[in-house]
PDB file of N, CA and C in Angstrom:
ATOM      1  N   MET A   1       6.925   7.291  11.343  1.00  0.00           N
ATOM      2  CA  MET A   1       5.820   7.813  10.588  1.00  0.00           C
ATOM      3  C   MET A   1       4.616   7.968  11.514  1.00  0.00           C
ATOM      4  N   SER A   2       4.002   9.121  11.498  1.00  0.00           N
ATOM      5  CA  SER A   2       2.789   9.390  12.274  1.00  0.00           C
ATOM      6  C   SER A   2       1.607   9.511  11.322  1.00  0.00           C
ATOM      7  N   ILE A   3       0.479   8.960  11.736  1.00  0.00           N
ATOM      8  CA  ILE A   3      -0.726   8.999  10.910  1.00  0.00           C
ATOM      9  C   ILE A   3      -1.829   9.723  11.669  1.00  0.00           C
ATOM     10  N   PRO A   4      -2.440  10.732  11.042  1.00  0.00           N
ATOM     11  CA  PRO A   4      -3.559  11.418  11.693  1.00  0.00           C
ATOM     12  C   PRO A   4      -4.807  10.531  11.704  1.00  0.00           C
ATOM     13  N   PHE A   5      -5.599  10.683  12.762  1.00  0.00           N
ATOM     14  CA  PHE A   5      -6.840   9.920  12.875  1.00  0.00           C
ATOM     15  C   PHE A   5      -7.853  10.752  13.637  1.00  0.00           C
ATOM     16  N   THR A   6      -9.101  10.315  13.568  1.00  0.00           N
ATOM     17  CA  THR A   6     -10.153  10.903  14.399  1.00  0.00           C
ATOM     18  C   THR A   6     -10.777   9.790  15.224  1.00  0.00           C
ATOM     19  N   LEU A   7     -11.218  10.169  16.381  1.00  0.00           N
ATOM     20  CA  LEU A   7     -11.931   9.289  17.304  1.00  0.00           C
ATOM     21  C   LEU A   7     -13.348   9.847  17.324  1.00  0.00           C
ATOM     22  N   PRO A   8     -14.259   9.284  16.516  1.00  0.00           N
ATOM     23  CA  PRO A   8     -15.584   9.889  16.337  1.00  0.00           C
ATOM     24  C   PRO A   8     -16.529   9.662  17.512  1.00  0.00           C
ATOM     25  N   ASN A   9     -17.507  10.571  17.606  1.00  0.00           N
ATOM     26  CA  ASN A   9     -18.620  10.421  18.557  1.00  0.00           C
ATOM     27  C   ASN A   9     -18.196  10.145  19.996  1.00  0.00           C
ATOM     28  N   VAL A  10     -17.258  10.919  20.485  1.00  0.00           N
ATOM     29  CA  VAL A  10     -16.834  10.775  21.875  1.00  0.00           C
ATOM     30  C   VAL A  10     -17.893  11.428  22.759  1.00  0.00           C
ATOM     31  N   TYR A  11     -18.220  10.792  23.851  1.00  0.00           N
ATOM     32  CA  TYR A  11     -19.229  11.289  24.799  1.00  0.00           C
ATOM     33  C   TYR A  11     -20.543  11.596  24.093  1.00  0.00           C
ATOM     34  N   ASP A  12     -21.058  10.578  23.414  1.00  0.00           N
ATOM     35  CA  ASP A  12     -22.354  10.635  22.722  1.00  0.00           C
ATOM     36  C   ASP A  12     -22.430  11.762  21.700  1.00  0.00           C
ATOM     37  N   GLY A  13     -21.335  12.011  21.015  1.00  0.00           N
ATOM     38  CA  GLY A  13     -21.319  13.001  19.945  1.00  0.00           C
ATOM     39  C   GLY A  13     -21.033  14.418  20.380  1.00  0.00           C
ATOM     40  N   LEU A  14     -20.830  14.658  21.673  1.00  0.00           N
ATOM     41  CA  LEU A  14     -20.542  16.012  22.152  1.00  0.00           C
ATOM     42  C   LEU A  14     -19.104  16.435  21.858  1.00  0.00           C
ATOM     43  N   ALA A  15     -18.247  15.458  21.590  1.00  0.00           N
ATOM     44  CA  ALA A  15     -16.845  15.766  21.323  1.00  0.00           C
ATOM     45  C   ALA A  15     -16.322  14.827  20.250  1.00  0.00           C
ATOM     46  N   GLU A  16     -15.216  15.243  19.668  1.00  0.00           N
ATOM     47  CA  GLU A  16     -14.520  14.404  18.700  1.00  0.00           C
ATOM     48  C   GLU A  16     -13.033  14.506  19.000  1.00  0.00           C
ATOM     49  N   GLY A  17     -12.355  13.398  18.918  1.00  0.00           N
ATOM     50  CA  GLY A  17     -10.917  13.385  19.161  1.00  0.00           C
ATOM     51  C   GLY A  17     -10.149  13.436  17.856  1.00  0.00           C
ATOM     52  N   HIS A  18      -9.087  14.214  17.847  1.00  0.00           N
ATOM     53  CA  HIS A  18      -8.189  14.298  16.703  1.00  0.00           C
ATOM     54  C   HIS A  18      -6.799  13.973  17.215  1.00  0.00           C
ATOM     55  N   GLY A  19      -6.072  13.157  16.460  1.00  0.00           N
ATOM     56  CA  GLY A  19      -4.766  12.799  16.963  1.00  0.00           C
ATOM     57  C   GLY A  19      -3.831  12.233  15.928  1.00  0.00           C
ATOM     58  N   LEU A  20      -2.703  11.784  16.433  1.00  0.00           N
ATOM     59  CA  LEU A  20      -1.668  11.133  15.635  1.00  0.00           C
ATOM     60  C   LEU A  20      -1.317   9.813  16.295  1.00  0.00           C
ATOM     61  N   MET A  21      -1.020   8.803  15.478  1.00  0.00           N
ATOM     62  CA  MET A  21      -0.570   7.519  16.032  1.00  0.00           C
ATOM     63  C   MET A  21       0.688   7.092  15.298  1.00  0.00           C
ATOM     64  N   ARG A  22       1.507   6.350  16.036  1.00  0.00           N
ATOM     65  CA  ARG A  22       2.757   5.848  15.483  1.00  0.00           C
ATOM     66  C   ARG A  22       3.209   4.649  16.301  1.00  0.00           C
ATOM     67  N   VAL A  23       4.087   3.855  15.736  1.00  0.00           N
ATOM     68  CA  VAL A  23       4.683   2.741  16.460  1.00  0.00           C
ATOM     69  C   VAL A  23       6.084   3.174  16.863  1.00  0.00           C
ATOM     70  N   GLU A  24       6.382   3.005  18.153  1.00  0.00           N
ATOM     71  CA  GLU A  24       7.712   3.309  18.668  1.00  0.00           C
ATOM     72  C   GLU A  24       8.353   2.010  19.131  1.00  0.00           C
ATOM     73  N   ARG A  25       9.623   1.926  18.919  1.00  0.00           N
ATOM     74  CA  ARG A  25      10.375   0.748  19.344  1.00  0.00           C
ATOM     75  C   ARG A  25      11.279   1.142  20.496  1.00  0.00           C
ATOM     76  N   ASP A  26      11.254   0.323  21.561  1.00  0.00           N
ATOM     77  CA  ASP A  26      12.167   0.555  22.680  1.00  0.00           C
ATOM     78  C   ASP A  26      12.616  -0.790  23.243  1.00  0.00           C
ATOM     79  N   ALA A  27      13.402  -0.743  24.287  1.00  0.00           N
ATOM     80  CA  ALA A  27      13.966  -1.975  24.862  1.00  0.00           C
ATOM     81  C   ALA A  27      12.878  -2.913  25.394  1.00  0.00           C
ATOM     82  N   ALA A  28      11.753  -2.370  25.840  1.00  0.00           N
ATOM     83  CA  ALA A  28      10.682  -3.190  26.406  1.00  0.00           C
ATOM     84  C   ALA A  28       9.804  -3.819  25.325  1.00  0.00           C
ATOM     85  N   GLY A  29       9.929  -3.374  24.063  1.00  0.00           N
ATOM     86  CA  GLY A  29       9.108  -3.902  22.978  1.00  0.00           C
ATOM     87  C   GLY A  29       8.452  -2.782  22.201  1.00  0.00           C
ATOM     88  N   ASP A  30       7.757  -3.141  21.142  1.00  0.00           N
ATOM     89  CA  ASP A  30       7.089  -2.162  20.301  1.00  0.00           C
ATOM     90  C   ASP A  30       5.805  -1.678  20.967  1.00  0.00           C
ATOM     91  N   VAL A  31       5.533  -0.378  20.797  1.00  0.00           N
ATOM     92  CA  VAL A  31       4.384   0.255  21.447  1.00  0.00           C
ATOM     93  C   VAL A  31       3.641   1.109  20.426  1.00  0.00           C
ATOM     94  N   LEU A  32       2.308   1.030  20.430  1.00  0.00           N
ATOM     95  CA  LEU A  32       1.484   1.933  19.631  1.00  0.00           C
ATOM     96  C   LEU A  32       1.210   3.158  20.489  1.00  0.00           C
ATOM     97  N   VAL A  33       1.651   4.314  20.025  1.00  0.00           N
ATOM     98  CA  VAL A  33       1.469   5.563  20.754  1.00  0.00           C
ATOM     99  C   VAL A  33       0.402   6.382  20.036  1.00  0.00           C
ATOM    100  N   MET A  34      -0.612   6.800  20.789  1.00  0.00           N
ATOM    101  CA  MET A  34      -1.679   7.641  20.245  1.00  0.00           C
ATOM    102  C   MET A  34      -1.738   8.930  21.048  1.00  0.00           C
ATOM    103  N   GLU A  35      -1.590  10.057  20.358  1.00  0.00           N
ATOM    104  CA  GLU A  35      -1.751  11.367  20.980  1.00  0.00           C
ATOM    105  C   GLU A  35      -3.101  11.895  20.512  1.00  0.00           C
ATOM    106  N   VAL A  36      -3.983  12.201  21.456  1.00  0.00           N
ATOM    107  CA  VAL A  36      -5.353  12.594  21.122  1.00  0.00           C
ATOM    108  C   VAL A  36      -5.708  13.911  21.808  1.00  0.00           C
ATOM    109  N   GLN A  37      -6.343  14.796  21.052  1.00  0.00           N
ATOM    110  CA  GLN A  37      -6.863  16.044  21.615  1.00  0.00           C
ATOM    111  C   GLN A  37      -8.362  16.089  21.341  1.00  0.00           C
ATOM    112  N   LEU A  38      -9.150  16.331  22.388  1.00  0.00           N
ATOM    113  CA  LEU A  38     -10.603  16.418  22.248  1.00  0.00           C
ATOM    114  C   LEU A  38     -11.031  17.826  21.886  1.00  0.00           C
ATOM    115  N   ALA A  39     -12.037  17.908  21.024  1.00  0.00           N
ATOM    116  CA  ALA A  39     -12.671  19.175  20.697  1.00  0.00           C
ATOM    117  C   ALA A  39     -14.149  19.038  21.068  1.00  0.00           C
ATOM    118  N   TRP A  40     -14.588  19.790  22.075  1.00  0.00           N
ATOM    119  CA  TRP A  40     -15.983  19.753  22.532  1.00  0.00           C
ATOM    120  C   TRP A  40     -16.824  20.628  21.627  1.00  0.00           C
ATOM    121  N   LEU A  41     -17.836  20.039  21.007  1.00  0.00           N
ATOM    122  CA  LEU A  41     -18.736  20.728  20.083  1.00  0.00           C
ATOM    123  C   LEU A  41     -17.960  21.470  19.002  1.00  0.00           C
ATOM    124  N   GLY A  42     -16.772  20.975  18.685  1.00  0.00           N
ATOM    125  CA  GLY A  42     -15.947  21.570  17.641  1.00  0.00           C
ATOM    126  C   GLY A  42     -15.281  22.874  18.029  1.00  0.00           C
ATOM    127  N   LEU A  43     -15.422  23.297  19.287  1.00  0.00           N
ATOM    128  CA  LEU A  43     -14.904  24.606  19.683  1.00  0.00           C
ATOM    129  C   LEU A  43     -13.818  24.538  20.749  1.00  0.00           C
ATOM    130  N   VAL A  44     -14.137  23.991  21.887  1.00  0.00           N
ATOM    131  CA  VAL A  44     -13.234  23.998  23.039  1.00  0.00           C
ATOM    132  C   VAL A  44     -12.326  22.772  22.967  1.00  0.00           C
ATOM    133  N   LYS A  45     -11.029  23.024  22.991  1.00  0.00           N
ATOM    134  CA  LYS A  45     -10.074  21.919  22.906  1.00  0.00           C
ATOM    135  C   LYS A  45      -9.408  21.687  24.247  1.00  0.00           C
ATOM    136  N   GLN A  46      -9.218  20.412  24.575  1.00  0.00           N
ATOM    137  CA  GLN A  46      -8.517  20.031  25.800  1.00  0.00           C
ATOM    138  C   GLN A  46      -7.045  19.800  25.488  1.00  0.00           C
ATOM    139  N   ALA A  47      -6.256  19.717  26.540  1.00  0.00           N
ATOM    140  CA  ALA A  47      -4.842  19.389  26.370  1.00  0.00           C
ATOM    141  C   ALA A  47      -4.733  17.972  25.807  1.00  0.00           C
ATOM    142  N   PRO A  48      -3.772  17.722  24.926  1.00  0.00           N
ATOM    143  CA  PRO A  48      -3.619  16.379  24.352  1.00  0.00           C
ATOM    144  C   PRO A  48      -3.298  15.322  25.402  1.00  0.00           C
ATOM    145  N   ARG A  49      -3.797  14.117  25.166  1.00  0.00           N
ATOM    146  CA  ARG A  49      -3.496  12.963  26.014  1.00  0.00           C
ATOM    147  C   ARG A  49      -2.626  12.010  25.202  1.00  0.00           C
ATOM    148  N   VAL A  50      -1.726  11.338  25.866  1.00  0.00           N
ATOM    149  CA  VAL A  50      -0.882  10.351  25.212  1.00  0.00           C
ATOM    150  C   VAL A  50      -1.207   8.982  25.793  1.00  0.00           C
ATOM    151  N   VAL A  51      -1.524   8.035  24.919  1.00  0.00           N
ATOM    152  CA  VAL A  51      -1.850   6.674  25.312  1.00  0.00           C
ATOM    153  C   VAL A  51      -0.868   5.747  24.605  1.00  0.00           C
ATOM    154  N   ALA A  52      -0.229   4.884  25.341  1.00  0.00           N
ATOM    155  CA  ALA A  52       0.721   3.927  24.771  1.00  0.00           C
ATOM    156  C   ALA A  52       0.244   2.509  25.063  1.00  0.00           C
ATOM    157  N   VAL A  53       0.093   1.710  24.014  1.00  0.00           N
ATOM    158  CA  VAL A  53      -0.358   0.325  24.158  1.00  0.00           C
ATOM    159  C   VAL A  53       0.724  -0.594  23.586  1.00  0.00           C
ATOM    160  N   PRO A  54       1.298  -1.457  24.412  1.00  0.00           N
ATOM    161  CA  PRO A  54       2.282  -2.410  23.883  1.00  0.00           C
ATOM    162  C   PRO A  54       1.628  -3.304  22.823  1.00  0.00           C
ATOM    163  N   LEU A  55       2.308  -3.511  21.708  1.00  0.00           N
ATOM    164  CA  LEU A  55       1.742  -4.324  20.633  1.00  0.00           C
ATOM    165  C   LEU A  55       1.426  -5.736  21.097  1.00  0.00           C
ATOM    166  N   ARG A  56       2.207  -6.252  22.023  1.00  0.00           N
ATOM    167  CA  ARG A  56       1.958  -7.621  22.513  1.00  0.00           C
ATOM    168  C   ARG A  56       0.631  -7.707  23.272  1.00  0.00           C
ATOM    169  N   ASP A  57       0.057  -6.553  23.670  1.00  0.00           N
ATOM    170  CA  ASP A  57      -1.210  -6.537  24.396  1.00  0.00           C
ATOM    171  C   ASP A  57      -2.417  -6.295  23.494  1.00  0.00           C
ATOM    172  N   LEU A  58      -2.217  -6.319  22.180  1.00  0.00           N
ATOM    173  CA  LEU A  58      -3.331  -6.206  21.245  1.00  0.00           C
ATOM    174  C   LEU A  58      -3.772  -7.611  20.849  1.00  0.00           C
ATOM    175  N   THR A  59      -5.072  -7.871  20.950  1.00  0.00           N
ATOM    176  CA  THR A  59      -5.578  -9.184  20.563  1.00  0.00           C
ATOM    177  C   THR A  59      -6.202  -9.159  19.175  1.00  0.00           C
ATOM    178  N   GLU A  60      -6.514  -7.968  18.660  1.00  0.00           N
ATOM    179  CA  GLU A  60      -7.082  -7.854  17.311  1.00  0.00           C
ATOM    180  C   GLU A  60      -6.675  -6.528  16.707  1.00  0.00           C
ATOM    181  N   VAL A  61      -6.300  -6.572  15.445  1.00  0.00           N
ATOM    182  CA  VAL A  61      -6.045  -5.375  14.652  1.00  0.00           C
ATOM    183  C   VAL A  61      -6.746  -5.609  13.325  1.00  0.00           C
ATOM    184  N   ARG A  62      -7.680  -4.719  12.971  1.00  0.00           N
ATOM    185  CA  ARG A  62      -8.431  -4.899  11.729  1.00  0.00           C
ATOM    186  C   ARG A  62      -8.541  -3.561  11.014  1.00  0.00           C
ATOM    187  N   PHE A  63      -8.358  -3.575   9.703  1.00  0.00           N
ATOM    188  CA  PHE A  63      -8.415  -2.370   8.879  1.00  0.00           C
ATOM    189  C   PHE A  63      -9.543  -2.544   7.874  1.00  0.00           C
ATOM    190  N   LYS A  64     -10.445  -1.564   7.804  1.00  0.00           N
ATOM    191  CA  LYS A  64     -11.579  -1.646   6.885  1.00  0.00           C
ATOM    192  C   LYS A  64     -11.573  -0.414   5.987  1.00  0.00           C
ATOM    193  N   ARG A  65     -11.523  -0.666   4.687  1.00  0.00           N
ATOM    194  CA  ARG A  65     -11.549   0.430   3.715  1.00  0.00           C
ATOM    195  C   ARG A  65     -12.951   1.015   3.622  1.00  0.00           C
ATOM    196  N   GLY A  66     -13.010   2.326   3.436  1.00  0.00           N
ATOM    197  CA  GLY A  66     -14.280   3.005   3.249  1.00  0.00           C
ATOM    198  C   GLY A  66     -14.202   3.931   2.046  1.00  0.00           C
ATOM    199  N   ALA A  67     -15.323   4.473   1.622  1.00  0.00           N
ATOM    200  CA  ALA A  67     -15.357   5.355   0.455  1.00  0.00           C
ATOM    201  C   ALA A  67     -14.589   6.651   0.703  1.00  0.00           C
ATOM    202  N   PHE A  68     -14.752   7.225   1.898  1.00  0.00           N
ATOM    203  CA  PHE A  68     -14.101   8.496   2.205  1.00  0.00           C
ATOM    204  C   PHE A  68     -13.096   8.385   3.343  1.00  0.00           C
ATOM    205  N   LYS A  69     -13.375   7.508   4.283  1.00  0.00           N
ATOM    206  CA  LYS A  69     -12.475   7.284   5.417  1.00  0.00           C
ATOM    207  C   LYS A  69     -12.353   5.786   5.650  1.00  0.00           C
ATOM    208  N   ASP A  70     -11.177   5.383   6.083  1.00  0.00           N
ATOM    209  CA  ASP A  70     -10.940   4.000   6.463  1.00  0.00           C
ATOM    210  C   ASP A  70     -11.064   3.902   7.974  1.00  0.00           C
ATOM    211  N   THR A  71     -11.236   2.691   8.475  1.00  0.00           N
ATOM    212  CA  THR A  71     -11.391   2.479   9.906  1.00  0.00           C
ATOM    213  C   THR A  71     -10.369   1.464  10.388  1.00  0.00           C
ATOM    214  N   LEU A  72      -9.702   1.796  11.479  1.00  0.00           N
ATOM    215  CA  LEU A  72      -8.778   0.875  12.126  1.00  0.00           C
ATOM    216  C   LEU A  72      -9.401   0.474  13.451  1.00  0.00           C
ATOM    217  N   PHE A  73      -9.634  -0.828  13.641  1.00  0.00           N
ATOM    218  CA  PHE A  73     -10.191  -1.352  14.875  1.00  0.00           C
ATOM    219  C   PHE A  73      -9.066  -1.985  15.682  1.00  0.00           C
ATOM    220  N   LEU A  74      -8.990  -1.648  16.957  1.00  0.00           N
ATOM    221  CA  LEU A  74      -7.993  -2.212  17.864  1.00  0.00           C
ATOM    222  C   LEU A  74      -8.696  -2.815  19.062  1.00  0.00           C
ATOM    223  N   ARG A  75      -8.345  -4.052  19.393  1.00  0.00           N
ATOM    224  CA  ARG A  75      -8.909  -4.697  20.583  1.00  0.00           C
ATOM    225  C   ARG A  75      -7.742  -5.053  21.501  1.00  0.00           C
ATOM    226  N   PRO A  76      -7.694  -4.436  22.683  1.00  0.00           N
ATOM    227  CA  PRO A  76      -6.608  -4.744  23.625  1.00  0.00           C
ATOM    228  C   PRO A  76      -6.951  -5.965  24.470  1.00  0.00           C
ATOM    229  N   ALA A  77      -5.923  -6.549  25.056  1.00  0.00           N
ATOM    230  CA  ALA A  77      -6.119  -7.705  25.933  1.00  0.00           C
ATOM    231  C   ALA A  77      -6.856  -7.301  27.211  1.00  0.00           C
ATOM    232  N   HIS A  78      -6.663  -6.066  27.663  1.00  0.00           N
ATOM    233  CA  HIS A  78      -7.294  -5.570  28.894  1.00  0.00           C
ATOM    234  C   HIS A  78      -7.863  -4.184  28.627  1.00  0.00           C
ATOM    235  N   LEU A  79      -9.086  -3.921  29.069  1.00  0.00           N
ATOM    236  CA  LEU A  79      -9.715  -2.630  28.824  1.00  0.00           C
ATOM    237  C   LEU A  79      -8.990  -1.474  29.498  1.00  0.00           C
ATOM    238  N   ASP A  80      -8.259  -1.749  30.575  1.00  0.00           N
ATOM    239  CA  ASP A  80      -7.550  -0.669  31.248  1.00  0.00           C
ATOM    240  C   ASP A  80      -6.459  -0.074  30.355  1.00  0.00           C
ATOM    241  N   LEU A  81      -6.081  -0.776  29.285  1.00  0.00           N
ATOM    242  CA  LEU A  81      -5.094  -0.234  28.354  1.00  0.00           C
ATOM    243  C   LEU A  81      -5.651   0.977  27.611  1.00  0.00           C
ATOM    244  N   LEU A  82      -6.978   1.091  27.556  1.00  0.00           N
ATOM    245  CA  LEU A  82      -7.625   2.206  26.869  1.00  0.00           C
ATOM    246  C   LEU A  82      -8.188   3.246  27.830  1.00  0.00           C
ATOM    247  N   ALA A  83      -7.883   3.129  29.099  1.00  0.00           N
ATOM    248  CA  ALA A  83      -8.471   4.015  30.107  1.00  0.00           C
ATOM    249  C   ALA A  83      -8.169   5.485  29.850  1.00  0.00           C
ATOM    250  N   GLU A  84      -7.009   5.792  29.313  1.00  0.00           N
ATOM    251  CA  GLU A  84      -6.630   7.184  29.058  1.00  0.00           C
ATOM    252  C   GLU A  84      -7.181   7.723  27.748  1.00  0.00           C
ATOM    253  N   LEU A  85      -7.702   6.843  26.908  1.00  0.00           N
ATOM    254  CA  LEU A  85      -8.256   7.271  25.626  1.00  0.00           C
ATOM    255  C   LEU A  85      -9.653   7.837  25.862  1.00  0.00           C
ATOM    256  N   PRO A  86      -9.940   9.038  25.350  1.00  0.00           N
ATOM    257  CA  PRO A  86     -11.250   9.657  25.594  1.00  0.00           C
ATOM    258  C   PRO A  86     -12.408   8.815  25.059  1.00  0.00           C
ATOM    259  N   GLY A  87     -13.521   8.847  25.749  1.00  0.00           N
ATOM    260  CA  GLY A  87     -14.729   8.165  25.308  1.00  0.00           C
ATOM    261  C   GLY A  87     -14.948   6.839  26.006  1.00  0.00           C
ATOM    262  N   LYS A  88     -16.042   6.206  25.623  1.00  0.00           N
ATOM    263  CA  LYS A  88     -16.394   4.906  26.172  1.00  0.00           C
ATOM    264  C   LYS A  88     -16.100   3.854  25.111  1.00  0.00           C
ATOM    265  N   HIS A  89     -15.285   2.880  25.476  1.00  0.00           N
ATOM    266  CA  HIS A  89     -14.907   1.824  24.548  1.00  0.00           C
ATOM    267  C   HIS A  89     -15.306   0.495  25.186  1.00  0.00           C
ATOM    268  N   LYS A  90     -16.252  -0.170  24.581  1.00  0.00           N
ATOM    269  CA  LYS A  90     -16.741  -1.419  25.165  1.00  0.00           C
ATOM    270  C   LYS A  90     -15.661  -2.482  25.177  1.00  0.00           C
ATOM    271  N   GLU A  91     -15.195  -2.863  24.009  1.00  0.00           N
ATOM    272  CA  GLU A  91     -14.169  -3.897  23.954  1.00  0.00           C
ATOM    273  C   GLU A  91     -13.103  -3.597  22.925  1.00  0.00           C
ATOM    274  N   ARG A  92     -13.340  -2.591  22.111  1.00  0.00           N
ATOM    275  CA  ARG A  92     -12.354  -2.201  21.104  1.00  0.00           C
ATOM    276  C   ARG A  92     -12.481  -0.713  20.827  1.00  0.00           C
ATOM    277  N   VAL A  93     -11.484  -0.178  20.176  1.00  0.00           N
ATOM    278  CA  VAL A  93     -11.502   1.232  19.810  1.00  0.00           C
ATOM    279  C   VAL A  93     -11.553   1.326  18.288  1.00  0.00           C
ATOM    280  N   LYS A  94     -12.276   2.323  17.811  1.00  0.00           N
ATOM    281  CA  LYS A  94     -12.484   2.524  16.387  1.00  0.00           C
ATOM    282  C   LYS A  94     -11.872   3.872  16.011  1.00  0.00           C
ATOM    283  N   LEU A  95     -10.857   3.844  15.160  1.00  0.00           N
ATOM    284  CA  LEU A  95     -10.175   5.061  14.727  1.00  0.00           C
ATOM    285  C   LEU A  95     -10.448   5.275  13.241  1.00  0.00           C
ATOM    286  N   LYS A  96     -10.793   6.497  12.862  1.00  0.00           N
ATOM    287  CA  LYS A  96     -11.058   6.829  11.460  1.00  0.00           C
ATOM    288  C   LYS A  96      -9.811   7.480  10.861  1.00  0.00           C
ATOM    289  N   ILE A  97      -9.465   7.043   9.640  1.00  0.00           N
ATOM    290  CA  ILE A  97      -8.304   7.560   8.932  1.00  0.00           C
ATOM    291  C   ILE A  97      -8.770   8.064   7.569  1.00  0.00           C
ATOM    292  N   LYS A  98      -8.407   9.297   7.225  1.00  0.00           N
ATOM    293  CA  LYS A  98      -8.802   9.857   5.935  1.00  0.00           C
ATOM    294  C   LYS A  98      -8.200   9.037   4.797  1.00  0.00           C
ATOM    295  N   LYS A  99      -8.939   8.983   3.707  1.00  0.00           N
ATOM    296  CA  LYS A  99      -8.541   8.186   2.548  1.00  0.00           C
ATOM    297  C   LYS A  99      -7.148   8.585   2.036  1.00  0.00           C
ATOM    298  N   GLN A 100      -6.807   9.849   2.137  1.00  0.00           N
ATOM    299  CA  GLN A 100      -5.510  10.307   1.638  1.00  0.00           C
ATOM    300  C   GLN A 100      -4.344   9.691   2.405  1.00  0.00           C
ATOM    301  N   TYR A 101      -4.602   9.134   3.589  1.00  0.00           N
ATOM    302  CA  TYR A 101      -3.557   8.485   4.395  1.00  0.00           C
ATOM    303  C   TYR A 101      -3.652   6.961   4.335  1.00  0.00           C
ATOM    304  N   ARG A 102      -4.393   6.435   3.371  1.00  0.00           N
ATOM    305  CA  ARG A 102      -4.615   4.984   3.273  1.00  0.00           C
ATOM    306  C   ARG A 102      -3.302   4.212   3.156  1.00  0.00           C
ATOM    307  N   GLU A 103      -2.410   4.649   2.285  1.00  0.00           N
ATOM    308  CA  GLU A 103      -1.142   3.929   2.109  1.00  0.00           C
ATOM    309  C   GLU A 103      -0.319   3.961   3.396  1.00  0.00           C
ATOM    310  N   ASP A 104      -0.311   5.103   4.092  1.00  0.00           N
ATOM    311  CA  ASP A 104       0.370   5.178   5.382  1.00  0.00           C
ATOM    312  C   ASP A 104      -0.292   4.240   6.380  1.00  0.00           C
ATOM    313  N   GLY A 105      -1.620   4.129   6.291  1.00  0.00           N
ATOM    314  CA  GLY A 105      -2.351   3.215   7.162  1.00  0.00           C
ATOM    315  C   GLY A 105      -1.947   1.770   6.922  1.00  0.00           C
ATOM    316  N   TYR A 106      -1.748   1.413   5.652  1.00  0.00           N
ATOM    317  CA  TYR A 106      -1.285   0.057   5.343  1.00  0.00           C
ATOM    318  C   TYR A 106       0.109  -0.190   5.913  1.00  0.00           C
ATOM    319  N   ASP A 107       0.971   0.822   5.812  1.00  0.00           N
ATOM    320  CA  ASP A 107       2.324   0.676   6.370  1.00  0.00           C
ATOM    321  C   ASP A 107       2.259   0.486   7.882  1.00  0.00           C
ATOM    322  N   LEU A 108       1.398   1.271   8.546  1.00  0.00           N
ATOM    323  CA  LEU A 108       1.236   1.128   9.994  1.00  0.00           C
ATOM    324  C   LEU A 108       0.661  -0.247  10.322  1.00  0.00           C
ATOM    325  N   LEU A 109      -0.282  -0.692   9.517  1.00  0.00           N
ATOM    326  CA  LEU A 109      -0.883  -2.008   9.736  1.00  0.00           C
ATOM    327  C   LEU A 109       0.174  -3.105   9.657  1.00  0.00           C
ATOM    328  N   ASP A 110       1.098  -2.974   8.717  1.00  0.00           N
ATOM    329  CA  ASP A 110       2.194  -3.951   8.637  1.00  0.00           C
ATOM    330  C   ASP A 110       2.985  -3.980   9.937  1.00  0.00           C
ATOM    331  N   GLU A 111       3.231  -2.802  10.522  1.00  0.00           N
ATOM    332  CA  GLU A 111       3.950  -2.751  11.796  1.00  0.00           C
ATOM    333  C   GLU A 111       3.118  -3.351  12.926  1.00  0.00           C
ATOM    334  N   LEU A 112       1.815  -3.085  12.914  1.00  0.00           N
ATOM    335  CA  LEU A 112       0.938  -3.611  13.957  1.00  0.00           C
ATOM    336  C   LEU A 112       0.770  -5.124  13.848  1.00  0.00           C
ATOM    337  N   GLU A 113       0.902  -5.663  12.649  1.00  0.00           N
ATOM    338  CA  GLU A 113       0.756  -7.100  12.449  1.00  0.00           C
ATOM    339  C   GLU A 113       1.831  -7.878  13.202  1.00  0.00           C
ATOM    340  N   GLU A 114       2.898  -7.217  13.587  1.00  0.00           N
ATOM    341  CA  GLU A 114       3.971  -7.883  14.322  1.00  0.00           C
ATOM    342  C   GLU A 114       3.497  -8.411  15.674  1.00  0.00           C
ATOM    343  N   TRP A 115       2.352  -7.972  16.149  1.00  0.00           N
ATOM    344  CA  TRP A 115       1.839  -8.443  17.437  1.00  0.00           C
ATOM    345  C   TRP A 115       1.368  -9.888  17.362  1.00  0.00           C
ATOM    346  N   ARG A 116       1.090 -10.366  16.132  1.00  0.00           N
ATOM    347  CA  ARG A 116       0.546 -11.726  15.990  1.00  0.00           C
ATOM    348  C   ARG A 116       1.533 -12.763  16.501  1.00  0.00           C
ATOM    349  N   PRO A 117       1.080 -13.670  17.355  1.00  0.00           N
ATOM    350  CA  PRO A 117       1.973 -14.732  17.838  1.00  0.00           C
ATOM    351  C   PRO A 117       2.230 -15.752  16.737  1.00  0.00           C
ATOM    352  N   VAL A 118       3.342 -16.425  16.825  1.00  0.00           N
ATOM    353  CA  VAL A 118       3.680 -17.484  15.879  1.00  0.00           C
ATOM    354  C   VAL A 118       2.841 -18.708  16.235  1.00  0.00           C
ATOM    355  N   THR A 119       2.213 -19.326  15.229  1.00  0.00           N
ATOM    356  CA  THR A 119       1.375 -20.499  15.467  1.00  0.00           C
ATOM    357  C   THR A 119       2.090 -21.745  14.972  1.00  0.00           C
ATOM    358  N   GLY A 120       1.592 -22.894  15.350  1.00  0.00           N
ATOM    359  CA  GLY A 120       2.159 -24.169  14.924  1.00  0.00           C
ATOM    360  C   GLY A 120       1.952 -24.425  13.441  1.00  0.00           C
ATOM    361  N   MET A 121       1.087 -23.628  12.779  1.00  0.00           N
ATOM    362  CA  MET A 121       0.793 -23.815  11.357  1.00  0.00           C
ATOM    363  C   MET A 121       1.866 -23.193  10.471  1.00  0.00           C
ATOM    364  N   ASP A 122       2.716 -22.336  11.005  1.00  0.00           N
ATOM    365  CA  ASP A 122       3.736 -21.662  10.209  1.00  0.00           C
ATOM    366  C   ASP A 122       4.805 -22.651   9.773  1.00  0.00           C
ATOM    367  N   ALA A 123       5.214 -22.514   8.526  1.00  0.00           N
ATOM    368  CA  ALA A 123       6.265 -23.384   8.007  1.00  0.00           C
ATOM    369  C   ALA A 123       7.623 -22.761   8.304  1.00  0.00           C
ATOM    370  N   SER A 124       8.607 -23.591   8.547  1.00  0.00           N
ATOM    371  CA  SER A 124       9.951 -23.100   8.834  1.00  0.00           C
ATOM    372  C   SER A 124      10.741 -22.913   7.569  1.00  0.00           C
TER     373      SER A 124
END
């Protein structure tokens, strides 16, 4: 399942990223794949970029509901994991998801939750 998203206010609002994200499973582990295409001033589009982040390298995944768009926050263990993603990301990336894809977003969130390590508090 792929979910469309926007990467708002790239390069101080001069561009906006539009893309698709999905979780892929392979022998090395689960990976969040984001394909992003930038649109400069809403007109000029660049070639799409593909960014893959192993789920084990995510330290935070947070989903926030909004009136019109929801927000998915991702914090990687290392900033270089976001180097290929357009824009400046201080410590996390903020992806906007249209309300019509909310249920798909919840399904993706369930897949992303698999990155959480098992703690000593879990019951067997």
